mmCIF file of all heavy atoms, coordinates in Angstrom:
data_MODEL
# 
_entry.id   MODEL 
# 
loop_
_atom_site.group_PDB 
_atom_site.id 
_atom_site.type_symbol 
_atom_site.label_atom_id 
_atom_site.label_alt_id 
_atom_site.label_comp_id 
_atom_site.label_asym_id 
_atom_site.label_entity_id 
_atom_site.label_seq_id 
_atom_site.pdbx_PDB_ins_code 
_atom_site.Cartn_x 
_atom_site.Cartn_y 
_atom_site.Cartn_z 
_atom_site.occupancy 
_atom_site.B_iso_or_equiv 
_atom_site.pdbx_formal_charge 
_atom_site.auth_seq_id 
_atom_site.auth_comp_id 
_atom_site.auth_asym_id 
_atom_site.auth_atom_id 
_atom_site.pdbx_PDB_model_num 
ATOM 1   N N   . THR A 1 1  ? 14.631  17.806  -12.067 1.00 0.00 ? 1  THR A N   1 
ATOM 2   C CA  . THR A 1 1  ? 14.446  17.404  -10.669 1.00 0.00 ? 1  THR A CA  1 
ATOM 3   C C   . THR A 1 1  ? 13.285  16.395  -10.623 1.00 0.00 ? 1  THR A C   1 
ATOM 4   O O   . THR A 1 1  ? 12.134  16.715  -10.977 1.00 0.00 ? 1  THR A O   1 
ATOM 5   C CB  . THR A 1 1  ? 14.111  18.617  -9.794  1.00 0.00 ? 1  THR A CB  1 
ATOM 6   O OG1 . THR A 1 1  ? 15.196  19.534  -9.825  1.00 0.00 ? 1  THR A OG1 1 
ATOM 7   C CG2 . THR A 1 1  ? 13.881  18.177  -8.340  1.00 0.00 ? 1  THR A CG2 1 
ATOM 8   N N   . LEU A 1 2  ? 13.579  15.173  -10.229 1.00 0.00 ? 2  LEU A N   1 
ATOM 9   C CA  . LEU A 1 2  ? 12.563  14.145  -10.195 1.00 0.00 ? 2  LEU A CA  1 
ATOM 10  C C   . LEU A 1 2  ? 11.560  14.413  -9.073  1.00 0.00 ? 2  LEU A C   1 
ATOM 11  O O   . LEU A 1 2  ? 11.936  14.751  -7.953  1.00 0.00 ? 2  LEU A O   1 
ATOM 12  C CB  . LEU A 1 2  ? 13.202  12.786  -9.979  1.00 0.00 ? 2  LEU A CB  1 
ATOM 13  C CG  . LEU A 1 2  ? 14.146  12.281  -11.090 1.00 0.00 ? 2  LEU A CG  1 
ATOM 14  C CD1 . LEU A 1 2  ? 14.750  10.942  -10.707 1.00 0.00 ? 2  LEU A CD1 1 
ATOM 15  C CD2 . LEU A 1 2  ? 13.390  12.164  -12.423 1.00 0.00 ? 2  LEU A CD2 1 
ATOM 16  N N   . PRO A 1 3  ? 10.275  14.294  -9.368  1.00 0.00 ? 3  PRO A N   1 
ATOM 17  C CA  . PRO A 1 3  ? 9.252   14.492  -8.310  1.00 0.00 ? 3  PRO A CA  1 
ATOM 18  C C   . PRO A 1 3  ? 9.433   13.433  -7.215  1.00 0.00 ? 3  PRO A C   1 
ATOM 19  O O   . PRO A 1 3  ? 9.775   12.274  -7.462  1.00 0.00 ? 3  PRO A O   1 
ATOM 20  C CB  . PRO A 1 3  ? 7.932   14.312  -9.056  1.00 0.00 ? 3  PRO A CB  1 
ATOM 21  C CG  . PRO A 1 3  ? 8.250   14.512  -10.506 1.00 0.00 ? 3  PRO A CG  1 
ATOM 22  C CD  . PRO A 1 3  ? 9.663   14.017  -10.682 1.00 0.00 ? 3  PRO A CD  1 
ATOM 23  N N   . MET A 1 4  ? 9.209   13.855  -5.981  1.00 0.00 ? 4  MET A N   1 
ATOM 24  C CA  . MET A 1 4  ? 9.364   12.955  -4.841  1.00 0.00 ? 4  MET A CA  1 
ATOM 25  C C   . MET A 1 4  ? 8.133   12.086  -4.694  1.00 0.00 ? 4  MET A C   1 
ATOM 26  O O   . MET A 1 4  ? 7.010   12.530  -4.858  1.00 0.00 ? 4  MET A O   1 
ATOM 27  C CB  . MET A 1 4  ? 9.609   13.750  -3.570  1.00 0.00 ? 4  MET A CB  1 
ATOM 28  C CG  . MET A 1 4  ? 10.972  14.439  -3.506  1.00 0.00 ? 4  MET A CG  1 
ATOM 29  S SD  . MET A 1 4  ? 11.225  15.353  -1.981  1.00 0.00 ? 4  MET A SD  1 
ATOM 30  C CE  . MET A 1 4  ? 11.143  14.045  -0.761  1.00 0.00 ? 4  MET A CE  1 
ATOM 31  N N   . ASN A 1 5  ? 8.373   10.811  -4.366  1.00 0.00 ? 5  ASN A N   1 
ATOM 32  C CA  . ASN A 1 5  ? 7.302   9.855   -4.152  1.00 0.00 ? 5  ASN A CA  1 
ATOM 33  C C   . ASN A 1 5  ? 7.176   9.582   -2.657  1.00 0.00 ? 5  ASN A C   1 
ATOM 34  O O   . ASN A 1 5  ? 8.110   9.813   -1.883  1.00 0.00 ? 5  ASN A O   1 
ATOM 35  C CB  . ASN A 1 5  ? 7.576   8.562   -4.900  1.00 0.00 ? 5  ASN A CB  1 
ATOM 36  C CG  . ASN A 1 5  ? 7.898   8.782   -6.355  1.00 0.00 ? 5  ASN A CG  1 
ATOM 37  O OD1 . ASN A 1 5  ? 8.985   8.449   -6.821  1.00 0.00 ? 5  ASN A OD1 1 
ATOM 38  N ND2 . ASN A 1 5  ? 6.989   9.400   -7.093  1.00 0.00 ? 5  ASN A ND2 1 
ATOM 39  N N   . PRO A 1 6  ? 6.019   9.104   -2.215  1.00 0.00 ? 6  PRO A N   1 
ATOM 40  C CA  . PRO A 1 6  ? 5.850   8.771   -0.766  1.00 0.00 ? 6  PRO A CA  1 
ATOM 41  C C   . PRO A 1 6  ? 6.890   7.774   -0.298  1.00 0.00 ? 6  PRO A C   1 
ATOM 42  O O   . PRO A 1 6  ? 7.315   6.884   -1.031  1.00 0.00 ? 6  PRO A O   1 
ATOM 43  C CB  . PRO A 1 6  ? 4.445   8.192   -0.707  1.00 0.00 ? 6  PRO A CB  1 
ATOM 44  C CG  . PRO A 1 6  ? 3.728   8.786   -1.894  1.00 0.00 ? 6  PRO A CG  1 
ATOM 45  C CD  . PRO A 1 6  ? 4.761   8.904   -2.965  1.00 0.00 ? 6  PRO A CD  1 
ATOM 46  N N   . SER A 1 7  ? 7.334   7.952   0.938   1.00 0.00 ? 7  SER A N   1 
ATOM 47  C CA  . SER A 1 7  ? 8.328   7.052   1.526   1.00 0.00 ? 7  SER A CA  1 
ATOM 48  C C   . SER A 1 7  ? 7.723   5.693   1.801   1.00 0.00 ? 7  SER A C   1 
ATOM 49  O O   . SER A 1 7  ? 6.512   5.487   1.711   1.00 0.00 ? 7  SER A O   1 
ATOM 50  C CB  . SER A 1 7  ? 8.895   7.656   2.823   1.00 0.00 ? 7  SER A CB  1 
ATOM 51  O OG  . SER A 1 7  ? 7.855   7.956   3.729   1.00 0.00 ? 7  SER A OG  1 
ATOM 52  N N   . LYS A 1 8  ? 8.582   4.751   2.142   1.00 0.00 ? 8  LYS A N   1 
ATOM 53  C CA  . LYS A 1 8  ? 8.148   3.353   2.269   1.00 0.00 ? 8  LYS A CA  1 
ATOM 54  C C   . LYS A 1 8  ? 7.155   3.167   3.402   1.00 0.00 ? 8  LYS A C   1 
ATOM 55  O O   . LYS A 1 8  ? 6.421   2.157   3.417   1.00 0.00 ? 8  LYS A O   1 
ATOM 56  C CB  . LYS A 1 8  ? 9.362   2.461   2.487   1.00 0.00 ? 8  LYS A CB  1 
ATOM 57  C CG  . LYS A 1 8  ? 10.148  2.768   3.750   1.00 0.00 ? 8  LYS A CG  1 
ATOM 58  C CD  . LYS A 1 8  ? 11.335  1.858   3.888   1.00 0.00 ? 8  LYS A CD  1 
ATOM 59  C CE  . LYS A 1 8  ? 12.114  2.134   5.179   1.00 0.00 ? 8  LYS A CE  1 
ATOM 60  N NZ  . LYS A 1 8  ? 13.300  1.229   5.315   1.00 0.00 ? 8  LYS A NZ  1 
ATOM 61  N N   . GLU A 1 9  ? 7.118   4.073   4.391   1.00 0.00 ? 9  GLU A N   1 
ATOM 62  C CA  . GLU A 1 9  ? 6.182   3.922   5.505   1.00 0.00 ? 9  GLU A CA  1 
ATOM 63  C C   . GLU A 1 9  ? 4.741   3.975   5.025   1.00 0.00 ? 9  GLU A C   1 
ATOM 64  O O   . GLU A 1 9  ? 3.846   3.440   5.716   1.00 0.00 ? 9  GLU A O   1 
ATOM 65  C CB  . GLU A 1 9  ? 6.418   5.021   6.547   1.00 0.00 ? 9  GLU A CB  1 
ATOM 66  C CG  . GLU A 1 9  ? 7.661   4.864   7.391   1.00 0.00 ? 9  GLU A CG  1 
ATOM 67  C CD  . GLU A 1 9  ? 8.909   5.359   6.675   1.00 0.00 ? 9  GLU A CD  1 
ATOM 68  O OE1 . GLU A 1 9  ? 8.725   5.923   5.553   1.00 0.00 ? 9  GLU A OE1 1 
ATOM 69  O OE2 . GLU A 1 9  ? 10.019  5.196   7.207   1.00 0.00 ? 9  GLU A OE2 1 
ATOM 70  N N   . PHE A 1 10 ? 4.487   4.615   3.882   1.00 0.00 ? 10 PHE A N   1 
ATOM 71  C CA  . PHE A 1 10 ? 3.124   4.763   3.391   1.00 0.00 ? 10 PHE A CA  1 
ATOM 72  C C   . PHE A 1 10 ? 2.723   3.597   2.477   1.00 0.00 ? 10 PHE A C   1 
ATOM 73  O O   . PHE A 1 10 ? 1.552   3.508   2.128   1.00 0.00 ? 10 PHE A O   1 
ATOM 74  C CB  . PHE A 1 10 ? 2.986   6.086   2.639   1.00 0.00 ? 10 PHE A CB  1 
ATOM 75  C CG  . PHE A 1 10 ? 3.069   7.289   3.512   1.00 0.00 ? 10 PHE A CG  1 
ATOM 76  C CD1 . PHE A 1 10 ? 4.287   7.872   3.798   1.00 0.00 ? 10 PHE A CD1 1 
ATOM 77  C CD2 . PHE A 1 10 ? 1.931   7.826   4.089   1.00 0.00 ? 10 PHE A CD2 1 
ATOM 78  C CE1 . PHE A 1 10 ? 4.379   9.001   4.618   1.00 0.00 ? 10 PHE A CE1 1 
ATOM 79  C CE2 . PHE A 1 10 ? 2.005   8.936   4.905   1.00 0.00 ? 10 PHE A CE2 1 
ATOM 80  C CZ  . PHE A 1 10 ? 3.231   9.523   5.172   1.00 0.00 ? 10 PHE A CZ  1 
ATOM 81  N N   . HIS A 1 11 ? 3.664   2.746   2.094   1.00 0.00 ? 11 HIS A N   1 
ATOM 82  C CA  . HIS A 1 11 ? 3.332   1.608   1.273   1.00 0.00 ? 11 HIS A CA  1 
ATOM 83  C C   . HIS A 1 11 ? 2.781   0.486   2.159   1.00 0.00 ? 11 HIS A C   1 
ATOM 84  O O   . HIS A 1 11 ? 3.293   0.263   3.272   1.00 0.00 ? 11 HIS A O   1 
ATOM 85  C CB  . HIS A 1 11 ? 4.554   1.104   0.491   1.00 0.00 ? 11 HIS A CB  1 
ATOM 86  C CG  . HIS A 1 11 ? 4.976   2.050   -0.609  1.00 0.00 ? 11 HIS A CG  1 
ATOM 87  N ND1 . HIS A 1 11 ? 5.634   3.225   -0.364  1.00 0.00 ? 11 HIS A ND1 1 
ATOM 88  C CD2 . HIS A 1 11 ? 4.849   1.955   -1.952  1.00 0.00 ? 11 HIS A CD2 1 
ATOM 89  C CE1 . HIS A 1 11 ? 5.889   3.841   -1.518  1.00 0.00 ? 11 HIS A CE1 1 
ATOM 90  N NE2 . HIS A 1 11 ? 5.408   3.088   -2.486  1.00 0.00 ? 11 HIS A NE2 1 
ATOM 91  N N   . LEU A 1 12 ? 1.806   -0.209  1.668   1.00 0.00 ? 12 LEU A N   1 
ATOM 92  C CA  . LEU A 1 12 ? 1.236   -1.309  2.422   1.00 0.00 ? 12 LEU A CA  1 
ATOM 93  C C   . LEU A 1 12 ? 2.208   -2.477  2.462   1.00 0.00 ? 12 LEU A C   1 
ATOM 94  O O   . LEU A 1 12 ? 2.927   -2.756  1.501   1.00 0.00 ? 12 LEU A O   1 
ATOM 95  C CB  . LEU A 1 12 ? -0.086  -1.770  1.795   1.00 0.00 ? 12 LEU A CB  1 
ATOM 96  C CG  . LEU A 1 12 ? -1.252  -0.782  1.798   1.00 0.00 ? 12 LEU A CG  1 
ATOM 97  C CD1 . LEU A 1 12 ? -2.490  -1.442  1.229   1.00 0.00 ? 12 LEU A CD1 1 
ATOM 98  C CD2 . LEU A 1 12 ? -1.510  -0.261  3.188   1.00 0.00 ? 12 LEU A CD2 1 
ATOM 99  N N   . SER A 1 13 ? 2.205   -3.156  3.597   1.00 0.00 ? 13 SER A N   1 
ATOM 100 C CA  . SER A 1 13 ? 3.025   -4.361  3.699   1.00 0.00 ? 13 SER A CA  1 
ATOM 101 C C   . SER A 1 13 ? 2.381   -5.479  2.882   1.00 0.00 ? 13 SER A C   1 
ATOM 102 O O   . SER A 1 13 ? 1.240   -5.370  2.436   1.00 0.00 ? 13 SER A O   1 
ATOM 103 C CB  . SER A 1 13 ? 3.156   -4.773  5.167   1.00 0.00 ? 13 SER A CB  1 
ATOM 104 O OG  . SER A 1 13 ? 1.881   -5.081  5.720   1.00 0.00 ? 13 SER A OG  1 
ATOM 105 N N   . TYR A 1 14 ? 3.138   -6.556  2.728   1.00 0.00 ? 14 TYR A N   1 
ATOM 106 C CA  . TYR A 1 14 ? 2.631   -7.667  1.933   1.00 0.00 ? 14 TYR A CA  1 
ATOM 107 C C   . TYR A 1 14 ? 1.381   -8.276  2.577   1.00 0.00 ? 14 TYR A C   1 
ATOM 108 O O   . TYR A 1 14 ? 0.414   -8.616  1.880   1.00 0.00 ? 14 TYR A O   1 
ATOM 109 C CB  . TYR A 1 14 ? 3.721   -8.746  1.790   1.00 0.00 ? 14 TYR A CB  1 
ATOM 110 C CG  . TYR A 1 14 ? 3.305   -9.933  0.952   1.00 0.00 ? 14 TYR A CG  1 
ATOM 111 C CD1 . TYR A 1 14 ? 3.265   -9.850  -0.446  1.00 0.00 ? 14 TYR A CD1 1 
ATOM 112 C CD2 . TYR A 1 14 ? 2.938   -11.129 1.574   1.00 0.00 ? 14 TYR A CD2 1 
ATOM 113 C CE1 . TYR A 1 14 ? 2.865   -10.944 -1.197  1.00 0.00 ? 14 TYR A CE1 1 
ATOM 114 C CE2 . TYR A 1 14 ? 2.569   -12.233 0.811   1.00 0.00 ? 14 TYR A CE2 1 
ATOM 115 C CZ  . TYR A 1 14 ? 2.535   -12.125 -0.569  1.00 0.00 ? 14 TYR A CZ  1 
ATOM 116 O OH  . TYR A 1 14 ? 2.125   -13.191 -1.319  1.00 0.00 ? 14 TYR A OH  1 
ATOM 117 N N   . SER A 1 15 ? 1.378   -8.392  3.886   1.00 0.00 ? 15 SER A N   1 
ATOM 118 C CA  . SER A 1 15 ? 0.226   -8.939  4.576   1.00 0.00 ? 15 SER A CA  1 
ATOM 119 C C   . SER A 1 15 ? -1.012  -8.023  4.450   1.00 0.00 ? 15 SER A C   1 
ATOM 120 O O   . SER A 1 15 ? -2.147  -8.528  4.269   1.00 0.00 ? 15 SER A O   1 
ATOM 121 C CB  . SER A 1 15 ? 0.534   -9.182  6.050   1.00 0.00 ? 15 SER A CB  1 
ATOM 122 O OG  . SER A 1 15 ? 0.911   -7.959  6.679   1.00 0.00 ? 15 SER A OG  1 
ATOM 123 N N   . ASP A 1 16 ? -0.778  -6.703  4.513   1.00 0.00 ? 16 ASP A N   1 
ATOM 124 C CA  . ASP A 1 16 ? -1.896  -5.771  4.351   1.00 0.00 ? 16 ASP A CA  1 
ATOM 125 C C   . ASP A 1 16 ? -2.464  -5.806  2.933   1.00 0.00 ? 16 ASP A C   1 
ATOM 126 O O   . ASP A 1 16 ? -3.674  -5.695  2.733   1.00 0.00 ? 16 ASP A O   1 
ATOM 127 C CB  . ASP A 1 16 ? -1.457  -4.345  4.689   1.00 0.00 ? 16 ASP A CB  1 
ATOM 128 C CG  . ASP A 1 16 ? -1.250  -4.138  6.171   1.00 0.00 ? 16 ASP A CG  1 
ATOM 129 O OD1 . ASP A 1 16 ? -1.842  -4.892  6.969   1.00 0.00 ? 16 ASP A OD1 1 
ATOM 130 O OD2 . ASP A 1 16 ? -0.463  -3.236  6.541   1.00 0.00 ? 16 ASP A OD2 1 
ATOM 131 N N   . LYS A 1 17 ? -1.587  -5.960  1.966   1.00 0.00 ? 17 LYS A N   1 
ATOM 132 C CA  . LYS A 1 17 ? -2.069  -6.091  0.579   1.00 0.00 ? 17 LYS A CA  1 
ATOM 133 C C   . LYS A 1 17 ? -2.940  -7.332  0.411   1.00 0.00 ? 17 LYS A C   1 
ATOM 134 O O   . LYS A 1 17 ? -3.980  -7.295  -0.247  1.00 0.00 ? 17 LYS A O   1 
ATOM 135 C CB  . LYS A 1 17 ? -0.883  -6.153  -0.377  1.00 0.00 ? 17 LYS A CB  1 
ATOM 136 C CG  . LYS A 1 17 ? -0.101  -4.831  -0.520  1.00 0.00 ? 17 LYS A CG  1 
ATOM 137 C CD  . LYS A 1 17 ? 1.044   -5.020  -1.494  1.00 0.00 ? 17 LYS A CD  1 
ATOM 138 C CE  . LYS A 1 17 ? 1.862   -3.727  -1.588  1.00 0.00 ? 17 LYS A CE  1 
ATOM 139 N NZ  . LYS A 1 17 ? 3.016   -3.893  -2.535  1.00 0.00 ? 17 LYS A NZ  1 
ATOM 140 N N   . GLU A 1 18 ? -2.489  -8.445  1.001   1.00 0.00 ? 18 GLU A N   1 
ATOM 141 C CA  . GLU A 1 18 ? -3.282  -9.684  0.907   1.00 0.00 ? 18 GLU A CA  1 
ATOM 142 C C   . GLU A 1 18 ? -4.632  -9.506  1.608   1.00 0.00 ? 18 GLU A C   1 
ATOM 143 O O   . GLU A 1 18 ? -5.660  -9.976  1.099   1.00 0.00 ? 18 GLU A O   1 
ATOM 144 C CB  . GLU A 1 18 ? -2.506  -10.855 1.519   1.00 0.00 ? 18 GLU A CB  1 
ATOM 145 C CG  . GLU A 1 18 ? -1.354  -11.353 0.650   1.00 0.00 ? 18 GLU A CG  1 
ATOM 146 C CD  . GLU A 1 18 ? -0.781  -12.650 1.159   1.00 0.00 ? 18 GLU A CD  1 
ATOM 147 O OE1 . GLU A 1 18 ? -0.876  -12.873 2.397   1.00 0.00 ? 18 GLU A OE1 1 
ATOM 148 O OE2 . GLU A 1 18 ? -0.239  -13.420 0.362   1.00 0.00 ? 18 GLU A OE2 1 
ATOM 149 N N   . SER A 1 19 ? -4.588  -8.875  2.779   1.00 0.00 ? 19 SER A N   1 
ATOM 150 C CA  . SER A 1 19 ? -5.836  -8.668  3.511   1.00 0.00 ? 19 SER A CA  1 
ATOM 151 C C   . SER A 1 19 ? -6.778  -7.784  2.714   1.00 0.00 ? 19 SER A C   1 
ATOM 152 O O   . SER A 1 19 ? -8.008  -8.004  2.692   1.00 0.00 ? 19 SER A O   1 
ATOM 153 C CB  . SER A 1 19 ? -5.552  -8.023  4.874   1.00 0.00 ? 19 SER A CB  1 
ATOM 154 O OG  . SER A 1 19 ? -4.708  -8.839  5.633   1.00 0.00 ? 19 SER A OG  1 
ATOM 155 N N   . LEU A 1 20 ? -6.226  -6.753  2.077   1.00 0.00 ? 20 LEU A N   1 
ATOM 156 C CA  . LEU A 1 20 ? -7.060  -5.849  1.286   1.00 0.00 ? 20 LEU A CA  1 
ATOM 157 C C   . LEU A 1 20 ? -7.682  -6.542  0.096   1.00 0.00 ? 20 LEU A C   1 
ATOM 158 O O   . LEU A 1 20 ? -8.810  -6.255  -0.299  1.00 0.00 ? 20 LEU A O   1 
ATOM 159 C CB  . LEU A 1 20 ? -6.209  -4.658  0.815   1.00 0.00 ? 20 LEU A CB  1 
ATOM 160 C CG  . LEU A 1 20 ? -6.955  -3.378  0.437   1.00 0.00 ? 20 LEU A CG  1 
ATOM 161 C CD1 . LEU A 1 20 ? -7.664  -2.792  1.656   1.00 0.00 ? 20 LEU A CD1 1 
ATOM 162 C CD2 . LEU A 1 20 ? -5.990  -2.351  -0.135  1.00 0.00 ? 20 LEU A CD2 1 
ATOM 163 N N   . GLU A 1 21 ? -6.937  -7.484  -0.508  1.00 0.00 ? 21 GLU A N   1 
ATOM 164 C CA  . GLU A 1 21 ? -7.473  -8.212  -1.664  1.00 0.00 ? 21 GLU A CA  1 
ATOM 165 C C   . GLU A 1 21 ? -8.524  -9.242  -1.251  1.00 0.00 ? 21 GLU A C   1 
ATOM 166 O O   . GLU A 1 21 ? -9.461  -9.500  -2.007  1.00 0.00 ? 21 GLU A O   1 
ATOM 167 C CB  . GLU A 1 21 ? -6.314  -8.904  -2.400  1.00 0.00 ? 21 GLU A CB  1 
ATOM 168 C CG  . GLU A 1 21 ? -5.363  -7.934  -3.087  1.00 0.00 ? 21 GLU A CG  1 
ATOM 169 C CD  . GLU A 1 21 ? -4.175  -8.649  -3.718  1.00 0.00 ? 21 GLU A CD  1 
ATOM 170 O OE1 . GLU A 1 21 ? -4.073  -9.881  -3.532  1.00 0.00 ? 21 GLU A OE1 1 
ATOM 171 O OE2 . GLU A 1 21 ? -3.358  -7.972  -4.376  1.00 0.00 ? 21 GLU A OE2 1 
ATOM 172 N N   . ARG A 1 22 ? -8.366  -9.818  -0.039  1.00 0.00 ? 22 ARG A N   1 
ATOM 173 C CA  . ARG A 1 22 ? -9.322  -10.802 0.408   1.00 0.00 ? 22 ARG A CA  1 
ATOM 174 C C   . ARG A 1 22 ? -10.635 -10.182 0.882   1.00 0.00 ? 22 ARG A C   1 
ATOM 175 O O   . ARG A 1 22 ? -11.706 -10.790 0.692   1.00 0.00 ? 22 ARG A O   1 
ATOM 176 C CB  . ARG A 1 22 ? -8.729  -11.612 1.587   1.00 0.00 ? 22 ARG A CB  1 
ATOM 177 C CG  . ARG A 1 22 ? -7.629  -12.586 1.179   1.00 0.00 ? 22 ARG A CG  1 
ATOM 178 C CD  . ARG A 1 22 ? -7.386  -13.599 2.275   1.00 0.00 ? 22 ARG A CD  1 
ATOM 179 N NE  . ARG A 1 22 ? -7.104  -12.946 3.553   1.00 0.00 ? 22 ARG A NE  1 
ATOM 180 C CZ  . ARG A 1 22 ? -5.874  -12.697 4.001   1.00 0.00 ? 22 ARG A CZ  1 
ATOM 181 N NH1 . ARG A 1 22 ? -4.835  -13.045 3.271   1.00 0.00 ? 22 ARG A NH1 1 
ATOM 182 N NH2 . ARG A 1 22 ? -5.705  -12.110 5.158   1.00 0.00 ? 22 ARG A NH2 1 
ATOM 183 N N   . GLU A 1 23 ? -10.554 -9.014  1.457   1.00 0.00 ? 23 GLU A N   1 
ATOM 184 C CA  . GLU A 1 23 ? -11.757 -8.387  1.999   1.00 0.00 ? 23 GLU A CA  1 
ATOM 185 C C   . GLU A 1 23 ? -12.639 -7.840  0.879   1.00 0.00 ? 23 GLU A C   1 
ATOM 186 O O   . GLU A 1 23 ? -12.149 -7.336  -0.109  1.00 0.00 ? 23 GLU A O   1 
ATOM 187 C CB  . GLU A 1 23 ? -11.399 -7.240  2.956   1.00 0.00 ? 23 GLU A CB  1 
ATOM 188 C CG  . GLU A 1 23 ? -10.593 -7.673  4.162   1.00 0.00 ? 23 GLU A CG  1 
ATOM 189 C CD  . GLU A 1 23 ? -11.405 -8.493  5.114   1.00 0.00 ? 23 GLU A CD  1 
ATOM 190 O OE1 . GLU A 1 23 ? -12.638 -8.502  4.969   1.00 0.00 ? 23 GLU A OE1 1 
ATOM 191 O OE2 . GLU A 1 23 ? -10.820 -9.172  5.987   1.00 0.00 ? 23 GLU A OE2 1 
ATOM 192 N N   . PRO A 1 24 ? -13.947 -7.968  1.024   1.00 0.00 ? 24 PRO A N   1 
ATOM 193 C CA  . PRO A 1 24 ? -14.833 -7.323  0.051   1.00 0.00 ? 24 PRO A CA  1 
ATOM 194 C C   . PRO A 1 24 ? -14.758 -5.808  0.162   1.00 0.00 ? 24 PRO A C   1 
ATOM 195 O O   . PRO A 1 24 ? -14.429 -5.267  1.207   1.00 0.00 ? 24 PRO A O   1 
ATOM 196 C CB  . PRO A 1 24 ? -16.220 -7.850  0.472   1.00 0.00 ? 24 PRO A CB  1 
ATOM 197 C CG  . PRO A 1 24 ? -16.084 -8.186  1.917   1.00 0.00 ? 24 PRO A CG  1 
ATOM 198 C CD  . PRO A 1 24 ? -14.674 -8.651  2.113   1.00 0.00 ? 24 PRO A CD  1 
ATOM 199 N N   . ARG A 1 25 ? -15.077 -5.135  -0.917  1.00 0.00 ? 25 ARG A N   1 
ATOM 200 C CA  . ARG A 1 25 ? -14.991 -3.680  -0.923  1.00 0.00 ? 25 ARG A CA  1 
ATOM 201 C C   . ARG A 1 25 ? -16.005 -3.113  0.039   1.00 0.00 ? 25 ARG A C   1 
ATOM 202 O O   . ARG A 1 25 ? -17.155 -3.498  0.053   1.00 0.00 ? 25 ARG A O   1 
ATOM 203 C CB  . ARG A 1 25 ? -15.227 -3.115  -2.331  1.00 0.00 ? 25 ARG A CB  1 
ATOM 204 C CG  . ARG A 1 25 ? -14.185 -3.542  -3.331  1.00 0.00 ? 25 ARG A CG  1 
ATOM 205 C CD  . ARG A 1 25 ? -14.420 -2.876  -4.673  1.00 0.00 ? 25 ARG A CD  1 
ATOM 206 N NE  . ARG A 1 25 ? -14.258 -1.447  -4.607  1.00 0.00 ? 25 ARG A NE  1 
ATOM 207 C CZ  . ARG A 1 25 ? -13.081 -0.839  -4.756  1.00 0.00 ? 25 ARG A CZ  1 
ATOM 208 N NH1 . ARG A 1 25 ? -11.984 -1.555  -4.972  1.00 0.00 ? 25 ARG A NH1 1 
ATOM 209 N NH2 . ARG A 1 25 ? -13.015 0.482   -4.684  1.00 0.00 ? 25 ARG A NH2 1 
ATOM 210 N N   . GLY A 1 26 ? -15.593 -2.167  0.864   1.00 0.00 ? 26 GLY A N   1 
ATOM 211 C CA  . GLY A 1 26 ? -16.490 -1.575  1.832   1.00 0.00 ? 26 GLY A CA  1 
ATOM 212 C C   . GLY A 1 26 ? -15.805 -1.279  3.131   1.00 0.00 ? 26 GLY A C   1 
ATOM 213 O O   . GLY A 1 26 ? -14.604 -0.977  3.186   1.00 0.00 ? 26 GLY A O   1 
# 
């Protein structure tokens, strides 16, 4: 039985990923 992974609603969108990479940590 394969372990279940989080559904797509919990994955960041492409724009959120870019924003997260641009912003400094904090």
